[in-house]
Amino acid sequence: MMNSFFIIGQAATNVASPASGTGTAGAPQTQGGLLSMVPFLVIMGVMIFFMFRNQRKQAKQRQEMLNAIKAGDRVVTAGGIMGTVKKVHDKTFIIEIAEKVEIEVTKGGVSGIAGGTEQESK
């Protein structure tokens, strides 16, 4: 009786040994795991490339829009205030928001051109 128990115990130990990963059978599973991540990493790299590309393109368009603003253009600030550009400085605009009411806004604070000029709105 004791001999059969010992053989069963050894068989169970031998079966569990390759699954523990200590033998050569565990190595291909690790390589397969790394190789399966390559397409995922490539897709992530392509997505990041396009995100940065679009971001640079939008920043360039915004900078061109800000550089094109001149005195007399109607603009909208980031706070939603609409007004007419009176003067253009290096880093700021002087905007008239009402008759004889002028504010100074940084160029980054202008969100867009409202459409039309002062002459067209009168």
N, C-alpha and C. Protein backbone atom coordinates (compact mmCIF):
# COMPACT_ATOMS: atom_id res chain seq x y z
N MET A 1 0.80 -1.18 0.00
CA MET A 1 0.00 0.00 0.00
C MET A 1 0.85 1.26 0.00
N MET A 2 1.87 1.26 0.73
CA MET A 2 2.70 2.43 0.84
C MET A 2 3.43 2.72 -0.46
N ASN A 3 3.81 1.71 -1.20
CA ASN A 3 4.50 1.91 -2.46
C ASN A 3 3.61 2.62 -3.49
N SER A 4 2.37 2.25 -3.57
CA SER A 4 1.49 2.87 -4.55
C SER A 4 1.26 4.36 -4.22
N PHE A 5 1.20 4.67 -2.93
CA PHE A 5 1.03 6.07 -2.55
C PHE A 5 2.25 6.89 -2.94
N PHE A 6 3.42 6.35 -2.79
CA PHE A 6 4.66 7.04 -3.14
C PHE A 6 4.73 7.29 -4.64
N ILE A 7 4.30 6.34 -5.44
CA ILE A 7 4.33 6.50 -6.90
C ILE A 7 3.34 7.58 -7.32
N ILE A 8 2.18 7.60 -6.74
CA ILE A 8 1.20 8.63 -7.07
C ILE A 8 1.74 10.00 -6.69
N GLY A 9 2.40 10.08 -5.55
CA GLY A 9 2.99 11.33 -5.09
C GLY A 9 4.07 11.81 -6.04
N GLN A 10 4.88 10.91 -6.56
CA GLN A 10 5.91 11.30 -7.51
C GLN A 10 5.30 11.73 -8.83
N ALA A 11 4.27 11.05 -9.28
CA ALA A 11 3.64 11.40 -10.54
C ALA A 11 3.04 12.80 -10.44
N ALA A 12 2.45 13.12 -9.34
CA ALA A 12 1.85 14.44 -9.17
C ALA A 12 2.93 15.51 -9.16
N THR A 13 4.06 15.23 -8.56
CA THR A 13 5.16 16.18 -8.50
C THR A 13 5.74 16.39 -9.90
N ASN A 14 5.88 15.36 -10.69
CA ASN A 14 6.42 15.49 -12.04
C ASN A 14 5.49 16.27 -12.96
N VAL A 15 4.21 16.10 -12.78
CA VAL A 15 3.25 16.80 -13.62
C VAL A 15 3.28 18.29 -13.30
N ALA A 16 3.42 18.64 -12.05
CA ALA A 16 3.40 20.04 -11.65
C ALA A 16 4.69 20.77 -12.02
N SER A 17 5.78 20.07 -12.18
CA SER A 17 7.08 20.68 -12.42
C SER A 17 7.13 21.51 -13.71
N PRO A 18 6.68 21.00 -14.88
CA PRO A 18 6.77 21.84 -16.08
C PRO A 18 5.87 23.07 -16.01
N ALA A 19 4.77 23.02 -15.30
CA ALA A 19 3.85 24.15 -15.22
C ALA A 19 4.43 25.27 -14.37
N SER A 20 5.40 24.95 -13.52
CA SER A 20 5.95 25.98 -12.65
C SER A 20 6.84 26.96 -13.42
N GLY A 21 7.22 26.61 -14.64
CA GLY A 21 7.98 27.54 -15.47
C GLY A 21 9.47 27.43 -15.29
N THR A 22 9.94 26.44 -14.50
CA THR A 22 11.37 26.33 -14.27
C THR A 22 12.07 25.61 -15.41
N GLY A 23 11.36 24.89 -16.21
CA GLY A 23 11.97 24.14 -17.30
C GLY A 23 12.01 24.96 -18.58
N THR A 24 12.35 24.32 -19.70
CA THR A 24 12.42 25.02 -20.98
C THR A 24 11.04 25.24 -21.58
N ALA A 25 10.02 24.58 -21.05
CA ALA A 25 8.68 24.74 -21.59
C ALA A 25 8.12 26.13 -21.31
N GLY A 26 8.59 26.83 -20.27
CA GLY A 26 8.09 28.15 -19.92
C GLY A 26 8.65 29.25 -20.82
N ALA A 27 9.79 29.07 -21.46
CA ALA A 27 10.44 30.11 -22.26
C ALA A 27 9.62 30.52 -23.49
N PRO A 28 9.06 29.60 -24.26
CA PRO A 28 8.28 30.04 -25.42
C PRO A 28 7.05 30.86 -25.04
N GLN A 29 6.46 30.59 -23.87
CA GLN A 29 5.29 31.36 -23.45
C GLN A 29 5.67 32.82 -23.20
N THR A 30 6.83 33.07 -22.65
CA THR A 30 7.29 34.44 -22.39
C THR A 30 7.54 35.16 -23.71
N GLN A 31 8.18 34.53 -24.66
CA GLN A 31 8.44 35.15 -25.96
C GLN A 31 7.13 35.41 -26.69
N GLY A 32 6.20 34.50 -26.61
CA GLY A 32 4.91 34.69 -27.25
C GLY A 32 4.17 35.88 -26.65
N GLY A 33 4.30 36.09 -25.37
CA GLY A 33 3.67 37.23 -24.71
C GLY A 33 4.26 38.55 -25.19
N LEU A 34 5.57 38.58 -25.35
CA LEU A 34 6.21 39.81 -25.83
C LEU A 34 5.88 40.07 -27.29
N LEU A 35 5.84 39.03 -28.09
CA LEU A 35 5.53 39.20 -29.51
C LEU A 35 4.08 39.62 -29.71
N SER A 36 3.20 39.19 -28.83
CA SER A 36 1.80 39.58 -28.98
C SER A 36 1.59 41.04 -28.61
N MET A 37 2.51 41.65 -27.88
CA MET A 37 2.40 43.07 -27.52
C MET A 37 2.90 43.99 -28.62
N VAL A 38 3.68 43.49 -29.56
CA VAL A 38 4.26 44.33 -30.62
C VAL A 38 3.18 45.03 -31.44
N PRO A 39 2.16 44.35 -31.95
CA PRO A 39 1.12 45.07 -32.71
C PRO A 39 0.42 46.15 -31.87
N PHE A 40 0.18 45.85 -30.61
CA PHE A 40 -0.45 46.84 -29.72
C PHE A 40 0.44 48.07 -29.59
N LEU A 41 1.74 47.87 -29.39
CA LEU A 41 2.66 49.00 -29.26
C LEU A 41 2.76 49.80 -30.56
N VAL A 42 2.73 49.13 -31.70
CA VAL A 42 2.78 49.82 -32.99
C VAL A 42 1.53 50.68 -33.17
N ILE A 43 0.37 50.12 -32.85
CA ILE A 43 -0.88 50.87 -32.98
C ILE A 43 -0.86 52.08 -32.05
N MET A 44 -0.41 51.91 -30.82
CA MET A 44 -0.32 53.03 -29.89
C MET A 44 0.64 54.10 -30.41
N GLY A 45 1.76 53.70 -30.97
CA GLY A 45 2.72 54.65 -31.53
C GLY A 45 2.13 55.45 -32.67
N VAL A 46 1.38 54.80 -33.55
CA VAL A 46 0.75 55.49 -34.67
C VAL A 46 -0.31 56.47 -34.16
N MET A 47 -1.09 56.07 -33.17
CA MET A 47 -2.11 56.97 -32.61
C MET A 47 -1.48 58.20 -31.99
N ILE A 48 -0.41 58.02 -31.24
CA ILE A 48 0.28 59.15 -30.62
C ILE A 48 0.86 60.07 -31.68
N PHE A 49 1.43 59.51 -32.74
CA PHE A 49 1.98 60.31 -33.83
C PHE A 49 0.90 61.20 -34.44
N PHE A 50 -0.27 60.62 -34.74
CA PHE A 50 -1.33 61.41 -35.36
C PHE A 50 -1.92 62.45 -34.39
N MET A 51 -1.97 62.12 -33.10
CA MET A 51 -2.48 63.10 -32.13
C MET A 51 -1.57 64.32 -32.09
N PHE A 52 -0.26 64.11 -32.01
CA PHE A 52 0.67 65.23 -31.97
C PHE A 52 0.67 65.99 -33.29
N ARG A 53 0.53 65.29 -34.38
CA ARG A 53 0.50 65.94 -35.69
C ARG A 53 -0.71 66.86 -35.80
N ASN A 54 -1.89 66.37 -35.39
CA ASN A 54 -3.09 67.20 -35.44
C ASN A 54 -2.99 68.38 -34.48
N GLN A 55 -2.39 68.16 -33.33
CA GLN A 55 -2.24 69.23 -32.35
C GLN A 55 -1.34 70.34 -32.89
N ARG A 56 -0.24 69.96 -33.53
CA ARG A 56 0.65 70.96 -34.13
C ARG A 56 -0.05 71.71 -35.26
N LYS A 57 -0.84 71.00 -36.05
CA LYS A 57 -1.56 71.62 -37.16
C LYS A 57 -2.57 72.65 -36.63
N GLN A 58 -3.31 72.32 -35.60
CA GLN A 58 -4.29 73.24 -35.02
C GLN A 58 -3.60 74.44 -34.39
N ALA A 59 -2.46 74.23 -33.72
CA ALA A 59 -1.72 75.34 -33.12
C ALA A 59 -1.21 76.29 -34.20
N LYS A 60 -0.77 75.74 -35.31
CA LYS A 60 -0.28 76.57 -36.42
C LYS A 60 -1.43 77.39 -37.01
N GLN A 61 -2.61 76.77 -37.20
CA GLN A 61 -3.77 77.49 -37.72
C GLN A 61 -4.20 78.60 -36.76
N ARG A 62 -4.17 78.34 -35.47
CA ARG A 62 -4.54 79.35 -34.48
C ARG A 62 -3.57 80.52 -34.52
N GLN A 63 -2.27 80.22 -34.60
CA GLN A 63 -1.27 81.28 -34.64
C GLN A 63 -1.43 82.12 -35.90
N GLU A 64 -1.73 81.50 -37.03
CA GLU A 64 -1.96 82.24 -38.27
C GLU A 64 -3.19 83.14 -38.14
N MET A 65 -4.24 82.64 -37.48
CA MET A 65 -5.44 83.43 -37.28
C MET A 65 -5.14 84.65 -36.40
N LEU A 66 -4.37 84.44 -35.32
CA LEU A 66 -4.03 85.55 -34.43
C LEU A 66 -3.15 86.58 -35.14
N ASN A 67 -2.24 86.13 -35.97
CA ASN A 67 -1.36 87.04 -36.69
C ASN A 67 -2.12 87.83 -37.76
N ALA A 68 -3.22 87.27 -38.25
CA ALA A 68 -3.99 87.93 -39.31
C ALA A 68 -4.95 88.99 -38.78
N ILE A 69 -5.17 89.03 -37.47
CA ILE A 69 -6.10 90.02 -36.91
C ILE A 69 -5.47 91.41 -37.01
N LYS A 70 -6.27 92.35 -37.49
CA LYS A 70 -5.80 93.73 -37.65
C LYS A 70 -6.84 94.67 -37.06
N ALA A 71 -6.50 95.94 -36.97
CA ALA A 71 -7.42 96.94 -36.42
C ALA A 71 -8.68 96.96 -37.28
N GLY A 72 -9.84 97.01 -36.61
CA GLY A 72 -11.12 97.02 -37.30
C GLY A 72 -11.80 95.66 -37.35
N ASP A 73 -11.08 94.58 -37.06
CA ASP A 73 -11.69 93.24 -37.05
C ASP A 73 -12.52 93.04 -35.78
N ARG A 74 -13.64 92.34 -35.93
CA ARG A 74 -14.47 91.98 -34.77
C ARG A 74 -13.98 90.62 -34.26
N VAL A 75 -13.75 90.54 -32.95
CA VAL A 75 -13.21 89.32 -32.36
C VAL A 75 -14.05 88.91 -31.16
N VAL A 76 -13.87 87.67 -30.76
CA VAL A 76 -14.50 87.12 -29.56
C VAL A 76 -13.38 86.68 -28.62
N THR A 77 -13.46 87.11 -27.37
CA THR A 77 -12.45 86.70 -26.40
C THR A 77 -12.81 85.33 -25.84
N ALA A 78 -11.88 84.76 -25.09
CA ALA A 78 -12.14 83.45 -24.48
C ALA A 78 -13.27 83.53 -23.46
N GLY A 79 -13.51 84.71 -22.91
CA GLY A 79 -14.61 84.89 -21.96
C GLY A 79 -15.94 85.16 -22.62
N GLY A 80 -15.94 85.25 -23.96
CA GLY A 80 -17.18 85.46 -24.70
C GLY A 80 -17.50 86.91 -24.99
N ILE A 81 -16.58 87.81 -24.69
CA ILE A 81 -16.81 89.23 -24.96
C ILE A 81 -16.51 89.51 -26.42
N MET A 82 -17.45 90.16 -27.09
CA MET A 82 -17.25 90.53 -28.49
C MET A 82 -16.87 92.00 -28.56
N GLY A 83 -15.96 92.32 -29.47
CA GLY A 83 -15.56 93.70 -29.62
C GLY A 83 -14.80 93.91 -30.91
N THR A 84 -14.40 95.16 -31.12
CA THR A 84 -13.68 95.54 -32.33
C THR A 84 -12.25 95.89 -31.94
N VAL A 85 -11.29 95.33 -32.66
CA VAL A 85 -9.88 95.59 -32.39
C VAL A 85 -9.57 97.03 -32.81
N LYS A 86 -9.01 97.79 -31.88
CA LYS A 86 -8.63 99.18 -32.16
C LYS A 86 -7.14 99.28 -32.43
N LYS A 87 -6.32 98.59 -31.64
CA LYS A 87 -4.87 98.62 -31.80
C LYS A 87 -4.31 97.21 -31.62
N VAL A 88 -3.25 96.95 -32.34
CA VAL A 88 -2.56 95.66 -32.24
C VAL A 88 -1.16 95.92 -31.72
N HIS A 89 -0.83 95.32 -30.58
CA HIS A 89 0.52 95.40 -30.01
C HIS A 89 1.20 94.05 -30.20
N ASP A 90 2.44 93.95 -29.71
CA ASP A 90 3.19 92.70 -29.88
C ASP A 90 2.48 91.50 -29.24
N LYS A 91 2.03 91.66 -28.02
CA LYS A 91 1.44 90.54 -27.29
C LYS A 91 -0.02 90.76 -26.91
N THR A 92 -0.57 91.93 -27.20
CA THR A 92 -1.94 92.23 -26.78
C THR A 92 -2.72 92.93 -27.89
N PHE A 93 -4.03 92.97 -27.69
CA PHE A 93 -4.95 93.74 -28.53
C PHE A 93 -5.68 94.74 -27.63
N ILE A 94 -5.95 95.91 -28.16
CA ILE A 94 -6.86 96.85 -27.51
C ILE A 94 -8.19 96.67 -28.22
N ILE A 95 -9.22 96.25 -27.46
CA ILE A 95 -10.52 95.93 -28.04
C ILE A 95 -11.57 96.89 -27.47
N GLU A 96 -12.35 97.46 -28.36
CA GLU A 96 -13.47 98.31 -27.94
C GLU A 96 -14.70 97.42 -27.85
N ILE A 97 -15.25 97.35 -26.62
CA ILE A 97 -16.42 96.47 -26.42
C ILE A 97 -17.72 97.25 -26.40
N ALA A 98 -17.63 98.54 -26.19
CA ALA A 98 -18.79 99.44 -26.25
C ALA A 98 -18.25 100.82 -26.61
N GLU A 99 -19.12 101.75 -26.84
CA GLU A 99 -18.67 103.08 -27.23
C GLU A 99 -17.82 103.68 -26.11
N LYS A 100 -16.58 104.01 -26.43
CA LYS A 100 -15.60 104.59 -25.50
C LYS A 100 -15.23 103.67 -24.35
N VAL A 101 -15.43 102.36 -24.49
CA VAL A 101 -15.01 101.38 -23.49
C VAL A 101 -14.04 100.42 -24.17
N GLU A 102 -12.78 100.50 -23.75
CA GLU A 102 -11.74 99.67 -24.35
C GLU A 102 -11.11 98.79 -23.29
N ILE A 103 -10.76 97.57 -23.69
CA ILE A 103 -10.05 96.65 -22.80
C ILE A 103 -8.81 96.15 -23.52
N GLU A 104 -7.82 95.75 -22.75
CA GLU A 104 -6.61 95.18 -23.33
C GLU A 104 -6.63 93.68 -23.06
N VAL A 105 -6.48 92.90 -24.11
CA VAL A 105 -6.56 91.45 -24.01
C VAL A 105 -5.30 90.85 -24.62
N THR A 106 -4.74 89.84 -23.96
CA THR A 106 -3.59 89.15 -24.55
C THR A 106 -4.03 88.44 -25.82
N LYS A 107 -3.09 88.21 -26.71
CA LYS A 107 -3.43 87.53 -27.96
C LYS A 107 -3.97 86.13 -27.70
N GLY A 108 -3.48 85.48 -26.67
CA GLY A 108 -3.98 84.15 -26.31
C GLY A 108 -5.40 84.17 -25.80
N GLY A 109 -5.86 85.34 -25.34
CA GLY A 109 -7.21 85.47 -24.82
C GLY A 109 -8.27 85.65 -25.89
N VAL A 110 -7.85 85.77 -27.14
CA VAL A 110 -8.81 85.91 -28.25
C VAL A 110 -9.07 84.51 -28.80
N SER A 111 -10.34 84.11 -28.78
CA SER A 111 -10.66 82.76 -29.24
C SER A 111 -10.99 82.70 -30.73
N GLY A 112 -11.36 83.82 -31.33
CA GLY A 112 -11.64 83.77 -32.76
C GLY A 112 -12.12 85.09 -33.30
N ILE A 113 -12.27 85.10 -34.60
CA ILE A 113 -12.78 86.27 -35.30
C ILE A 113 -14.30 86.13 -35.37
N ALA A 114 -15.01 87.20 -34.98
CA ALA A 114 -16.46 87.17 -34.92
C ALA A 114 -17.08 87.27 -36.31
N GLY A 115 -16.32 87.66 -37.28
CA GLY A 115 -16.86 87.80 -38.62
C GLY A 115 -17.19 89.25 -38.91
N GLY A 116 -16.72 89.69 -40.03
CA GLY A 116 -16.97 91.07 -40.41
C GLY A 116 -16.00 92.03 -39.77
N THR A 117 -16.05 93.27 -40.21
CA THR A 117 -15.22 94.33 -39.65
C THR A 117 -16.13 95.42 -39.13
N GLU A 118 -15.55 96.43 -38.53
CA GLU A 118 -16.33 97.52 -37.96
C GLU A 118 -17.11 98.25 -39.07
N GLN A 119 -16.49 98.42 -40.23
CA GLN A 119 -17.15 99.12 -41.32
C GLN A 119 -18.35 98.34 -41.83
N GLU A 120 -18.26 97.02 -41.88
CA GLU A 120 -19.35 96.19 -42.39
C GLU A 120 -20.50 96.12 -41.41
N SER A 121 -20.23 96.24 -40.08
CA SER A 121 -21.30 96.12 -39.10
C SER A 121 -22.10 97.42 -38.94
N LYS A 122 -21.60 98.54 -39.48
CA LYS A 122 -22.32 99.82 -39.36
C LYS A 122 -23.17 100.08 -40.57
